[in-house]
Amino acid sequence: DDAASCLALTDAGRGALGDGLKRNRAARDAHSRATEAVAAHL
């Protein structure tokens, strides 16, 4: 009652962040490979 409410991540929240990081890294890798394929073709 004496402090503004704060939100902290649960184990599930940390897991969701980790899953998102893995997806973002995979997308960056896929983008890099696609870019290399197009550049090599040209």
Full PDB file with SEQRES, HELIX, SHEET, SSBOND, CRYST1, ORIGX, SCALE, CONECT and MASTER records, all heavy atoms in Angstrom:
SEQRES   1 A   42  ASP ASP ALA ALA SER CYS LEU ALA LEU THR ASP ALA GLY          
SEQRES   2 A   42  ARG GLY ALA LEU GLY ASP GLY LEU LYS ARG ASN ARG ALA          
SEQRES   3 A   42  ALA ARG ASP ALA HIS SER ARG ALA THR GLU ALA VAL ALA          
SEQRES   4 A   42  ALA HIS LEU                                                  
HELIX    1 AA1 ASP A   11  HIS A   41  1                                  31    
CRYST1    1.000    1.000    1.000  90.00  90.00  90.00 P 1           1          
ORIGX1      1.000000  0.000000  0.000000        0.00000                         
ORIGX2      0.000000  1.000000  0.000000        0.00000                         
ORIGX3      0.000000  0.000000  1.000000        0.00000                         
SCALE1      1.000000  0.000000  0.000000        0.00000                         
SCALE2      0.000000  1.000000  0.000000        0.00000                         
SCALE3      0.000000  0.000000  1.000000        0.00000                         
ATOM      1  N   ASP A   1       0.815  -1.218   0.000  1.00  0.00           N  
ATOM      2  CA  ASP A   1       0.000   0.000   0.000  1.00  0.00           C  
ATOM      3  C   ASP A   1       0.847   1.267   0.000  1.00  0.00           C  
ATOM      4  O   ASP A   1       0.370   2.346  -0.350  1.00  0.00           O  
ATOM      5  CB  ASP A   1      -0.937   0.016   1.221  1.00  0.00           C  
ATOM      6  CG  ASP A   1      -1.979  -1.091   1.128  1.00  0.00           C  
ATOM      7  OD1 ASP A   1      -2.224  -1.557   0.010  1.00  0.00           O  
ATOM      8  OD2 ASP A   1      -2.522  -1.472   2.183  1.00  0.00           O  
ATOM      9  N   ASP A   2       2.096   1.174   0.441  1.00  0.00           N  
ATOM     10  CA  ASP A   2       2.955   2.349   0.538  1.00  0.00           C  
ATOM     11  C   ASP A   2       3.849   2.548  -0.683  1.00  0.00           C  
ATOM     12  O   ASP A   2       4.647   3.483  -0.708  1.00  0.00           O  
ATOM     13  CB  ASP A   2       3.855   2.238   1.781  1.00  0.00           C  
ATOM     14  CG  ASP A   2       3.025   2.172   3.052  1.00  0.00           C  
ATOM     15  OD1 ASP A   2       1.980   2.842   3.103  1.00  0.00           O  
ATOM     16  OD2 ASP A   2       3.429   1.432   3.973  1.00  0.00           O  
ATOM     17  N   ALA A   3       3.759   1.669  -1.652  1.00  0.00           N  
ATOM     18  CA  ALA A   3       4.640   1.772  -2.817  1.00  0.00           C  
ATOM     19  C   ALA A   3       3.850   1.499  -4.086  1.00  0.00           C  
ATOM     20  O   ALA A   3       2.853   0.776  -4.074  1.00  0.00           O  
ATOM     21  CB  ALA A   3       5.795   0.778  -2.703  1.00  0.00           C  
ATOM     22  N   ALA A   4       4.306   2.135  -5.167  1.00  0.00           N  
ATOM     23  CA  ALA A   4       3.692   1.854  -6.466  1.00  0.00           C  
ATOM     24  C   ALA A   4       3.946   0.399  -6.840  1.00  0.00           C  
ATOM     25  O   ALA A   4       4.981  -0.177  -6.501  1.00  0.00           O  
ATOM     26  CB  ALA A   4       4.285   2.783  -7.529  1.00  0.00           C  
ATOM     27  N   SER A   5       3.006  -0.190  -7.509  1.00  0.00           N  
ATOM     28  CA  SER A   5       3.155  -1.596  -7.858  1.00  0.00           C  
ATOM     29  C   SER A   5       4.218  -1.775  -8.931  1.00  0.00           C  
ATOM     30  O   SER A   5       4.401  -0.939  -9.809  1.00  0.00           O  
ATOM     31  CB  SER A   5       1.818  -2.166  -8.335  1.00  0.00           C  
ATOM     32  OG  SER A   5       1.379  -1.493  -9.501  1.00  0.00           O  
ATOM     33  N   CYS A   6       4.922  -2.879  -8.820  1.00  0.00           N  
ATOM     34  CA  CYS A   6       5.952  -3.244  -9.790  1.00  0.00           C  
ATOM     35  C   CYS A   6       5.644  -4.644 -10.299  1.00  0.00           C  
ATOM     36  O   CYS A   6       4.996  -5.443  -9.619  1.00  0.00           O  
ATOM     37  CB  CYS A   6       7.338  -3.230  -9.157  1.00  0.00           C  
ATOM     38  SG  CYS A   6       7.876  -1.600  -8.611  1.00  0.00           S  
ATOM     39  N   LEU A   7       6.116  -4.915 -11.496  1.00  0.00           N  
ATOM     40  CA  LEU A   7       5.925  -6.230 -12.083  1.00  0.00           C  
ATOM     41  C   LEU A   7       7.284  -6.886 -12.280  1.00  0.00           C  
ATOM     42  O   LEU A   7       8.215  -6.265 -12.790  1.00  0.00           O  
ATOM     43  CB  LEU A   7       5.196  -6.124 -13.423  1.00  0.00           C  
ATOM     44  CG  LEU A   7       3.786  -5.537 -13.372  1.00  0.00           C  
ATOM     45  CD1 LEU A   7       3.169  -5.486 -14.761  1.00  0.00           C  
ATOM     46  CD2 LEU A   7       2.890  -6.329 -12.432  1.00  0.00           C  
ATOM     47  N   ALA A   8       7.391  -8.133 -11.888  1.00  0.00           N  
ATOM     48  CA  ALA A   8       8.619  -8.903 -12.048  1.00  0.00           C  
ATOM     49  C   ALA A   8       8.326 -10.134 -12.893  1.00  0.00           C  
ATOM     50  O   ALA A   8       7.217 -10.685 -12.855  1.00  0.00           O  
ATOM     51  CB  ALA A   8       9.164  -9.316 -10.684  1.00  0.00           C  
ATOM     52  N   LEU A   9       9.314 -10.561 -13.666  1.00  0.00           N  
ATOM     53  CA  LEU A   9       9.128 -11.717 -14.517  1.00  0.00           C  
ATOM     54  C   LEU A   9       9.064 -13.002 -13.696  1.00  0.00           C  
ATOM     55  O   LEU A   9       9.809 -13.173 -12.726  1.00  0.00           O  
ATOM     56  CB  LEU A   9      10.273 -11.829 -15.532  1.00  0.00           C  
ATOM     57  CG  LEU A   9      10.080 -11.097 -16.862  1.00  0.00           C  
ATOM     58  CD1 LEU A   9      10.004  -9.588 -16.663  1.00  0.00           C  
ATOM     59  CD2 LEU A   9      11.184 -11.454 -17.841  1.00  0.00           C  
ATOM     60  N   THR A  10       8.183 -13.880 -14.110  1.00  0.00           N  
ATOM     61  CA  THR A  10       8.131 -15.221 -13.544  1.00  0.00           C  
ATOM     62  C   THR A  10       9.069 -16.119 -14.346  1.00  0.00           C  
ATOM     63  O   THR A  10       9.673 -15.702 -15.338  1.00  0.00           O  
ATOM     64  CB  THR A  10       6.710 -15.780 -13.618  1.00  0.00           C  
ATOM     65  OG1 THR A  10       6.333 -15.884 -15.011  1.00  0.00           O  
ATOM     66  CG2 THR A  10       5.718 -14.876 -12.903  1.00  0.00           C  
ATOM     67  N   ASP A  11       9.181 -17.370 -13.932  1.00  0.00           N  
ATOM     68  CA  ASP A  11       9.974 -18.330 -14.710  1.00  0.00           C  
ATOM     69  C   ASP A  11       9.411 -18.443 -16.129  1.00  0.00           C  
ATOM     70  O   ASP A  11      10.162 -18.552 -17.100  1.00  0.00           O  
ATOM     71  CB  ASP A  11       9.970 -19.697 -14.032  1.00  0.00           C  
ATOM     72  CG  ASP A  11      10.822 -19.718 -12.761  1.00  0.00           C  
ATOM     73  OD1 ASP A  11      11.646 -18.795 -12.599  1.00  0.00           O  
ATOM     74  OD2 ASP A  11      10.657 -20.656 -11.958  1.00  0.00           O  
ATOM     75  N   ALA A  12       8.079 -18.427 -16.237  1.00  0.00           N  
ATOM     76  CA  ALA A  12       7.460 -18.511 -17.561  1.00  0.00           C  
ATOM     77  C   ALA A  12       7.796 -17.272 -18.395  1.00  0.00           C  
ATOM     78  O   ALA A  12       8.015 -17.366 -19.601  1.00  0.00           O  
ATOM     79  CB  ALA A  12       5.944 -18.652 -17.419  1.00  0.00           C  
ATOM     80  N   GLY A  13       7.844 -16.107 -17.734  1.00  0.00           N  
ATOM     81  CA  GLY A  13       8.195 -14.886 -18.451  1.00  0.00           C  
ATOM     82  C   GLY A  13       9.617 -14.924 -18.967  1.00  0.00           C  
ATOM     83  O   GLY A  13       9.897 -14.530 -20.106  1.00  0.00           O  
ATOM     84  N   ARG A  14      10.558 -15.399 -18.141  1.00  0.00           N  
ATOM     85  CA  ARG A  14      11.941 -15.522 -18.585  1.00  0.00           C  
ATOM     86  C   ARG A  14      12.057 -16.537 -19.710  1.00  0.00           C  
ATOM     87  O   ARG A  14      12.839 -16.354 -20.651  1.00  0.00           O  
ATOM     88  CB  ARG A  14      12.835 -15.899 -17.402  1.00  0.00           C  
ATOM     89  CG  ARG A  14      13.039 -14.748 -16.408  1.00  0.00           C  
ATOM     90  CD  ARG A  14      14.055 -15.107 -15.347  1.00  0.00           C  
ATOM     91  NE  ARG A  14      13.496 -16.040 -14.376  1.00  0.00           N  
ATOM     92  CZ  ARG A  14      12.839 -15.685 -13.281  1.00  0.00           C  
ATOM     93  NH1 ARG A  14      12.650 -14.394 -13.018  1.00  0.00           N  
ATOM     94  NH2 ARG A  14      12.375 -16.582 -12.443  1.00  0.00           N  
ATOM     95  N   GLY A  15      11.261 -17.599 -19.623  1.00  0.00           N  
ATOM     96  CA  GLY A  15      11.269 -18.580 -20.714  1.00  0.00           C  
ATOM     97  C   GLY A  15      10.759 -18.001 -22.012  1.00  0.00           C  
ATOM     98  O   GLY A  15      11.298 -18.282 -23.085  1.00  0.00           O  
ATOM     99  N   ALA A  16       9.706 -17.164 -21.911  1.00  0.00           N  
ATOM    100  CA  ALA A  16       9.163 -16.522 -23.117  1.00  0.00           C  
ATOM    101  C   ALA A  16      10.187 -15.588 -23.740  1.00  0.00           C  
ATOM    102  O   ALA A  16      10.305 -15.511 -24.973  1.00  0.00           O  
ATOM    103  CB  ALA A  16       7.885 -15.760 -22.772  1.00  0.00           C  
ATOM    104  N   LEU A  17      10.946 -14.853 -22.908  1.00  0.00           N  
ATOM    105  CA  LEU A  17      12.011 -13.990 -23.439  1.00  0.00           C  
ATOM    106  C   LEU A  17      13.071 -14.821 -24.149  1.00  0.00           C  
ATOM    107  O   LEU A  17      13.548 -14.449 -25.231  1.00  0.00           O  
ATOM    108  CB  LEU A  17      12.658 -13.199 -22.310  1.00  0.00           C  
ATOM    109  CG  LEU A  17      11.999 -11.899 -21.874  1.00  0.00           C  
ATOM    110  CD1 LEU A  17      12.901 -11.191 -20.853  1.00  0.00           C  
ATOM    111  CD2 LEU A  17      11.735 -10.974 -23.048  1.00  0.00           C  
ATOM    112  N   GLY A  18      13.451 -15.936 -23.546  1.00  0.00           N  
ATOM    113  CA  GLY A  18      14.454 -16.800 -24.164  1.00  0.00           C  
ATOM    114  C   GLY A  18      13.980 -17.371 -25.485  1.00  0.00           C  
ATOM    115  O   GLY A  18      14.743 -17.428 -26.459  1.00  0.00           O  
ATOM    116  N   ASP A  19      12.714 -17.784 -25.544  1.00  0.00           N  
ATOM    117  CA  ASP A  19      12.172 -18.316 -26.796  1.00  0.00           C  
ATOM    118  C   ASP A  19      12.162 -17.246 -27.882  1.00  0.00           C  
ATOM    119  O   ASP A  19      12.475 -17.521 -29.046  1.00  0.00           O  
ATOM    120  CB  ASP A  19      10.746 -18.831 -26.576  1.00  0.00           C  
ATOM    121  CG  ASP A  19      10.714 -20.095 -25.728  1.00  0.00           C  
ATOM    122  OD1 ASP A  19      11.771 -20.743 -25.597  1.00  0.00           O  
ATOM    123  OD2 ASP A  19       9.638 -20.424 -25.195  1.00  0.00           O  
ATOM    124  N   GLY A  20      11.799 -16.010 -27.494  1.00  0.00           N  
ATOM    125  CA  GLY A  20      11.795 -14.926 -28.464  1.00  0.00           C  
ATOM    126  C   GLY A  20      13.189 -14.628 -28.987  1.00  0.00           C  
ATOM    127  O   GLY A  20      13.379 -14.349 -30.174  1.00  0.00           O  
ATOM    128  N   LEU A  21      14.182 -14.686 -28.100  1.00  0.00           N  
ATOM    129  CA  LEU A  21      15.567 -14.454 -28.516  1.00  0.00           C  
ATOM    130  C   LEU A  21      16.016 -15.512 -29.516  1.00  0.00           C  
ATOM    131  O   LEU A  21      16.664 -15.195 -30.524  1.00  0.00           O  
ATOM    132  CB  LEU A  21      16.472 -14.467 -27.284  1.00  0.00           C  
ATOM    133  CG  LEU A  21      17.962 -14.236 -27.521  1.00  0.00           C  
ATOM    134  CD1 LEU A  21      18.200 -12.877 -28.166  1.00  0.00           C  
ATOM    135  CD2 LEU A  21      18.737 -14.346 -26.208  1.00  0.00           C  
ATOM    136  N   LYS A  22      15.661 -16.766 -29.268  1.00  0.00           N  
ATOM    137  CA  LYS A  22      16.028 -17.837 -30.196  1.00  0.00           C  
ATOM    138  C   LYS A  22      15.377 -17.628 -31.554  1.00  0.00           C  
ATOM    139  O   LYS A  22      16.015 -17.817 -32.597  1.00  0.00           O  
ATOM    140  CB  LYS A  22      15.609 -19.195 -29.621  1.00  0.00           C  
ATOM    141  CG  LYS A  22      16.452 -19.672 -28.458  1.00  0.00           C  
ATOM    142  CD  LYS A  22      15.893 -20.940 -27.843  1.00  0.00           C  
ATOM    143  CE  LYS A  22      15.808 -22.077 -28.837  1.00  0.00           C  
ATOM    144  NZ  LYS A  22      15.310 -23.316 -28.202  1.00  0.00           N  
ATOM    145  N   ARG A  23      14.105 -17.227 -31.569  1.00  0.00           N  
ATOM    146  CA  ARG A  23      13.423 -16.991 -32.849  1.00  0.00           C  
ATOM    147  C   ARG A  23      14.053 -15.821 -33.602  1.00  0.00           C  
ATOM    148  O   ARG A  23      14.232 -15.882 -34.821  1.00  0.00           O  
ATOM    149  CB  ARG A  23      11.929 -16.734 -32.610  1.00  0.00           C  
ATOM    150  CG  ARG A  23      11.102 -17.999 -32.416  1.00  0.00           C  
ATOM    151  CD  ARG A  23       9.619 -17.685 -32.443  1.00  0.00           C  
ATOM    152  NE  ARG A  23       9.230 -16.903 -31.274  1.00  0.00           N  
ATOM    153  CZ  ARG A  23       8.799 -17.441 -30.123  1.00  0.00           C  
ATOM    154  NH1 ARG A  23       8.726 -18.749 -29.995  1.00  0.00           N  
ATOM    155  NH2 ARG A  23       8.449 -16.672 -29.112  1.00  0.00           N  
ATOM    156  N   ASN A  24      14.386 -14.752 -32.869  1.00  0.00           N  
ATOM    157  CA  ASN A  24      14.996 -13.593 -33.525  1.00  0.00           C  
ATOM    158  C   ASN A  24      16.357 -13.937 -34.108  1.00  0.00           C  
ATOM    159  O   ASN A  24      16.702 -13.497 -35.209  1.00  0.00           O  
ATOM    160  CB  ASN A  24      15.131 -12.437 -32.533  1.00  0.00           C  
ATOM    161  CG  ASN A  24      13.796 -11.816 -32.181  1.00  0.00           C  
ATOM    162  OD1 ASN A  24      12.824 -11.943 -32.919  1.00  0.00           O  
ATOM    163  ND2 ASN A  24      13.736 -11.146 -31.042  1.00  0.00           N  
ATOM    164  N   ARG A  25      17.135 -14.717 -33.374  1.00  0.00           N  
ATOM    165  CA  ARG A  25      18.445 -15.121 -33.892  1.00  0.00           C  
ATOM    166  C   ARG A  25      18.286 -16.007 -35.125  1.00  0.00           C  
ATOM    167  O   ARG A  25      19.040 -15.875 -36.098  1.00  0.00           O  
ATOM    168  CB  ARG A  25      19.226 -15.856 -32.810  1.00  0.00           C  
ATOM    169  CG  ARG A  25      19.805 -14.932 -31.743  1.00  0.00           C  
ATOM    170  CD  ARG A  25      20.474 -15.722 -30.641  1.00  0.00           C  
ATOM    171  NE  ARG A  25      21.154 -14.837 -29.691  1.00  0.00           N  
ATOM    172  CZ  ARG A  25      21.616 -15.242 -28.526  1.00  0.00           C  
ATOM    173  NH1 ARG A  25      21.469 -16.519 -28.141  1.00  0.00           N  
ATOM    174  NH2 ARG A  25      22.225 -14.380 -27.709  1.00  0.00           N  
ATOM    175  N   ALA A  26      17.314 -16.917 -35.091  1.00  0.00           N  
ATOM    176  CA  ALA A  26      17.084 -17.784 -36.249  1.00  0.00           C  
ATOM    177  C   ALA A  26      16.663 -16.966 -37.464  1.00  0.00           C  
ATOM    178  O   ALA A  26      17.096 -17.228 -38.594  1.00  0.00           O  
ATOM    179  CB  ALA A  26      16.029 -18.837 -35.915  1.00  0.00           C  
ATOM    180  N   ALA A  27      15.809 -15.940 -37.234  1.00  0.00           N  
ATOM    181  CA  ALA A  27      15.369 -15.099 -38.344  1.00  0.00           C  
ATOM    182  C   ALA A  27      16.535 -14.314 -38.923  1.00  0.00           C  
ATOM    183  O   ALA A  27      16.654 -14.164 -40.150  1.00  0.00           O  
ATOM    184  CB  ALA A  27      14.263 -14.149 -37.879  1.00  0.00           C  
ATOM    185  N   ARG A  28      17.414 -13.790 -38.043  1.00  0.00           N  
ATOM    186  CA  ARG A  28      18.587 -13.055 -38.540  1.00  0.00           C  
ATOM    187  C   ARG A  28      19.495 -13.975 -39.341  1.00  0.00           C  
ATOM    188  O   ARG A  28      20.031 -13.586 -40.389  1.00  0.00           O  
ATOM    189  CB  ARG A  28      19.358 -12.427 -37.374  1.00  0.00           C  
ATOM    190  CG  ARG A  28      18.674 -11.203 -36.783  1.00  0.00           C  
ATOM    191  CD  ARG A  28      19.634 -10.409 -35.916  1.00  0.00           C  
ATOM    192  NE  ARG A  28      20.065 -11.156 -34.748  1.00  0.00           N  
ATOM    193  CZ  ARG A  28      19.448 -11.149 -33.578  1.00  0.00           C  
ATOM    194  NH1 ARG A  28      18.352 -10.444 -33.407  1.00  0.00           N  
ATOM    195  NH2 ARG A  28      19.929 -11.846 -32.560  1.00  0.00           N  
ATOM    196  N   ASP A  29      19.686 -15.204 -38.864  1.00  0.00           N  
ATOM    197  CA  ASP A  29      20.518 -16.149 -39.600  1.00  0.00           C  
ATOM    198  C   ASP A  29      19.902 -16.478 -40.953  1.00  0.00           C  
ATOM    199  O   ASP A  29      20.602 -16.543 -41.965  1.00  0.00           O  
ATOM    200  CB  ASP A  29      20.708 -17.433 -38.786  1.00  0.00           C  
ATOM    201  CG  ASP A  29      21.592 -17.222 -37.558  1.00  0.00           C  
ATOM    202  OD1 ASP A  29      22.289 -16.192 -37.508  1.00  0.00           O  
ATOM    203  OD2 ASP A  29      21.567 -18.088 -36.663  1.00  0.00           O  
ATOM    204  N   ALA A  30      18.575 -16.677 -40.973  1.00  0.00           N  
ATOM    205  CA  ALA A  30      17.892 -16.978 -42.232  1.00  0.00           C  
ATOM    206  C   ALA A  30      18.006 -15.800 -43.195  1.00  0.00           C  
ATOM    207  O   ALA A  30      18.206 -15.974 -44.398  1.00  0.00           O  
ATOM    208  CB  ALA A  30      16.427 -17.317 -41.965  1.00  0.00           C  
ATOM    209  N   HIS A  31      17.881 -14.571 -42.659  1.00  0.00           N  
ATOM    210  CA  HIS A  31      17.997 -13.374 -43.505  1.00  0.00           C  
ATOM    211  C   HIS A  31      19.410 -13.276 -44.076  1.00  0.00           C  
ATOM    212  O   HIS A  31      19.588 -12.969 -45.263  1.00  0.00           O  
ATOM    213  CB  HIS A  31      17.662 -12.138 -42.684  1.00  0.00           C  
ATOM    214  CG  HIS A  31      17.581 -10.881 -43.477  1.00  0.00           C  
ATOM    215  ND1 HIS A  31      18.695 -10.133 -43.800  1.00  0.00           N  
ATOM    216  CD2 HIS A  31      16.516 -10.235 -44.035  1.00  0.00           C  
ATOM    217  CE1 HIS A  31      18.329  -9.090 -44.512  1.00  0.00           C  
ATOM    218  NE2 HIS A  31      17.012  -9.123 -44.659  1.00  0.00           N  
ATOM    219  N   SER A  32      20.419 -13.542 -43.260  1.00  0.00           N  
ATOM    220  CA  SER A  32      21.807 -13.474 -43.725  1.00  0.00           C  
ATOM    221  C   SER A  32      22.069 -14.509 -44.816  1.00  0.00           C  
ATOM    222  O   SER A  32      22.720 -14.215 -45.826  1.00  0.00           O  
ATOM    223  CB  SER A  32      22.769 -13.691 -42.557  1.00  0.00           C  
ATOM    224  OG  SER A  32      22.661 -12.650 -41.612  1.00  0.00           O  
ATOM    225  N   ARG A  33      21.554 -15.719 -44.629  1.00  0.00           N  
ATOM    226  CA  ARG A  33      21.762 -16.759 -45.637  1.00  0.00           C  
ATOM    227  C   ARG A  33      21.046 -16.416 -46.938  1.00  0.00           C  
ATOM    228  O   ARG A  33      21.572 -16.640 -48.033  1.00  0.00           O  
ATOM    229  CB  ARG A  33      21.294 -18.115 -45.096  1.00  0.00           C  
ATOM    230  CG  ARG A  33      22.156 -18.656 -43.966  1.00  0.00           C  
ATOM    231  CD  ARG A  33      21.859 -20.126 -43.709  1.00  0.00           C  
ATOM    232  NE  ARG A  33      20.491 -20.330 -43.262  1.00  0.00           N  
ATOM    233  CZ  ARG A  33      20.103 -20.336 -41.994  1.00  0.00           C  
ATOM    234  NH1 ARG A  33      20.984 -20.093 -41.032  1.00  0.00           N  
ATOM    235  NH2 ARG A  33      18.844 -20.540 -41.667  1.00  0.00           N  
ATOM    236  N   ALA A  34      19.831 -15.866 -46.825  1.00  0.00           N  
ATOM    237  CA  ALA A  34      19.097 -15.476 -48.024  1.00  0.00           C  
ATOM    238  C   ALA A  34      19.799 -14.342 -48.755  1.00  0.00           C  
ATOM    239  O   ALA A  34      19.905 -14.330 -49.983  1.00  0.00           O  
ATOM    240  CB  ALA A  34      17.669 -15.065 -47.653  1.00  0.00           C  
ATOM    241  N   THR A  35      20.302 -13.362 -47.985  1.00  0.00           N  
ATOM    242  CA  THR A  35      21.039 -12.251 -48.589  1.00  0.00           C  
ATOM    243  C   THR A  35      22.265 -12.755 -49.327  1.00  0.00           C  
ATOM    244  O   THR A  35      22.559 -12.334 -50.455  1.00  0.00           O  
ATOM    245  CB  THR A  35      21.442 -11.229 -47.509  1.00  0.00           C  
ATOM    246  OG1 THR A  35      20.267 -10.706 -46.892  1.00  0.00           O  
ATOM    247  CG2 THR A  35      22.256 -10.090 -48.109  1.00  0.00           C  
ATOM    248  N   GLU A  36      22.994 -13.679 -48.710  1.00  0.00           N  
ATOM    249  CA  GLU A  36      24.184 -14.227 -49.351  1.00  0.00           C  
ATOM    250  C   GLU A  36      23.827 -14.981 -50.630  1.00  0.00           C  
ATOM    251  O   GLU A  36      24.534 -14.877 -51.642  1.00  0.00           O  
ATOM    252  CB  GLU A  36      24.924 -15.160 -48.390  1.00  0.00           C  
ATOM    253  CG  GLU A  36      26.216 -15.715 -48.978  1.00  0.00           C  
ATOM    254  CD  GLU A  36      26.982 -16.592 -48.001  1.00  0.00           C  
ATOM    255  OE1 GLU A  36      26.547 -16.694 -46.848  1.00  0.00           O  
ATOM    256  OE2 GLU A  36      28.001 -17.158 -48.413  1.00  0.00           O  
ATOM    257  N   ALA A  37      22.717 -15.724 -50.605  1.00  0.00           N  
ATOM    258  CA  ALA A  37      22.306 -16.478 -51.790  1.00  0.00           C  
ATOM    259  C   ALA A  37      21.967 -15.540 -52.953  1.00  0.00           C  
ATOM    260  O   ALA A  37      22.356 -15.783 -54.099  1.00  0.00           O  
ATOM    261  CB  ALA A  37      21.112 -17.371 -51.461  1.00  0.00           C  
ATOM    262  N   VAL A  38      21.235 -14.467 -52.667  1.00  0.00           N  
ATOM    263  CA  VAL A  38      20.875 -13.504 -53.715  1.00  0.00           C  
ATOM    264  C   VAL A  38      22.117 -12.806 -54.247  1.00  0.00           C  
ATOM    265  O   VAL A  38      22.320 -12.668 -55.458  1.00  0.00           O  
ATOM    266  CB  VAL A  38      19.859 -12.477 -53.178  1.00  0.00           C  
ATOM    267  CG1 VAL A  38      19.613 -11.371 -54.202  1.00  0.00           C  
ATOM    268  CG2 VAL A  38      18.546 -13.165 -52.818  1.00  0.00           C  
ATOM    269  N   ALA A  39      22.978 -12.348 -53.337  1.00  0.00           N  
ATOM    270  CA  ALA A  39      24.190 -11.647 -53.751  1.00  0.00           C  
ATOM    271  C   ALA A  39      25.088 -12.549 -54.586  1.00  0.00           C  
ATOM    272  O   ALA A  39      25.659 -12.111 -55.603  1.00  0.00           O  
ATOM    273  CB  ALA A  39      24.930 -11.128 -52.521  1.00  0.00           C  
ATOM    274  N   ALA A  40      25.233 -13.802 -54.183  1.00  0.00           N  
ATOM    275  CA  ALA A  40      26.069 -14.735 -54.932  1.00  0.00           C  
ATOM    276  C   ALA A  40      25.501 -14.983 -56.325  1.00  0.00           C  
ATOM    277  O   ALA A  40      26.245 -15.074 -57.310  1.00  0.00           O  
ATOM    278  CB  ALA A  40      26.198 -16.052 -54.164  1.00  0.00           C  
ATOM    279  N   HIS A  41      24.182 -15.093 -56.426  1.00  0.00           N  
ATOM    280  CA  HIS A  41      23.528 -15.296 -57.726  1.00  0.00           C  
ATOM    281  C   HIS A  41      23.816 -14.116 -58.657  1.00  0.00           C  
ATOM    282  O   HIS A  41      24.162 -14.301 -59.839  1.00  0.00           O  
ATOM    283  CB  HIS A  41      22.020 -15.459 -57.517  1.00  0.00           C  
ATOM    284  CG  HIS A  41      21.237 -15.540 -58.780  1.00  0.00           C  
ATOM    285  ND1 HIS A  41      20.983 -16.733 -59.432  1.00  0.00           N  
ATOM    286  CD2 HIS A  41      20.647 -14.571 -59.538  1.00  0.00           C  
ATOM    287  CE1 HIS A  41      20.271 -16.496 -60.517  1.00  0.00           C  
ATOM    288  NE2 HIS A  41      20.053 -15.193 -60.612  1.00  0.00           N  
ATOM    289  N   LEU A  42      23.684 -12.903 -58.142  1.00  0.00           N  
ATOM    290  CA  LEU A  42      23.899 -11.717 -58.968  1.00  0.00           C  
ATOM    291  C   LEU A  42      25.374 -11.557 -59.339  1.00  0.00           C  
ATOM    292  O   LEU A  42      25.710 -11.182 -60.470  1.00  0.00           O  
ATOM    293  CB  LEU A  42      23.401 -10.475 -58.230  1.00  0.00           C  
ATOM    294  CG  LEU A  42      21.888 -10.431 -57.955  1.00  0.00           C  
ATOM    295  CD1 LEU A  42      21.559  -9.282 -57.007  1.00  0.00           C  
ATOM    296  CD2 LEU A  42      21.099 -10.300 -59.256  1.00  0.00           C  
TER     297      LEU A  42                                                      
MASTER        0    0    0    1    0    0    0    6  296    1    0    4          
END                                                                             
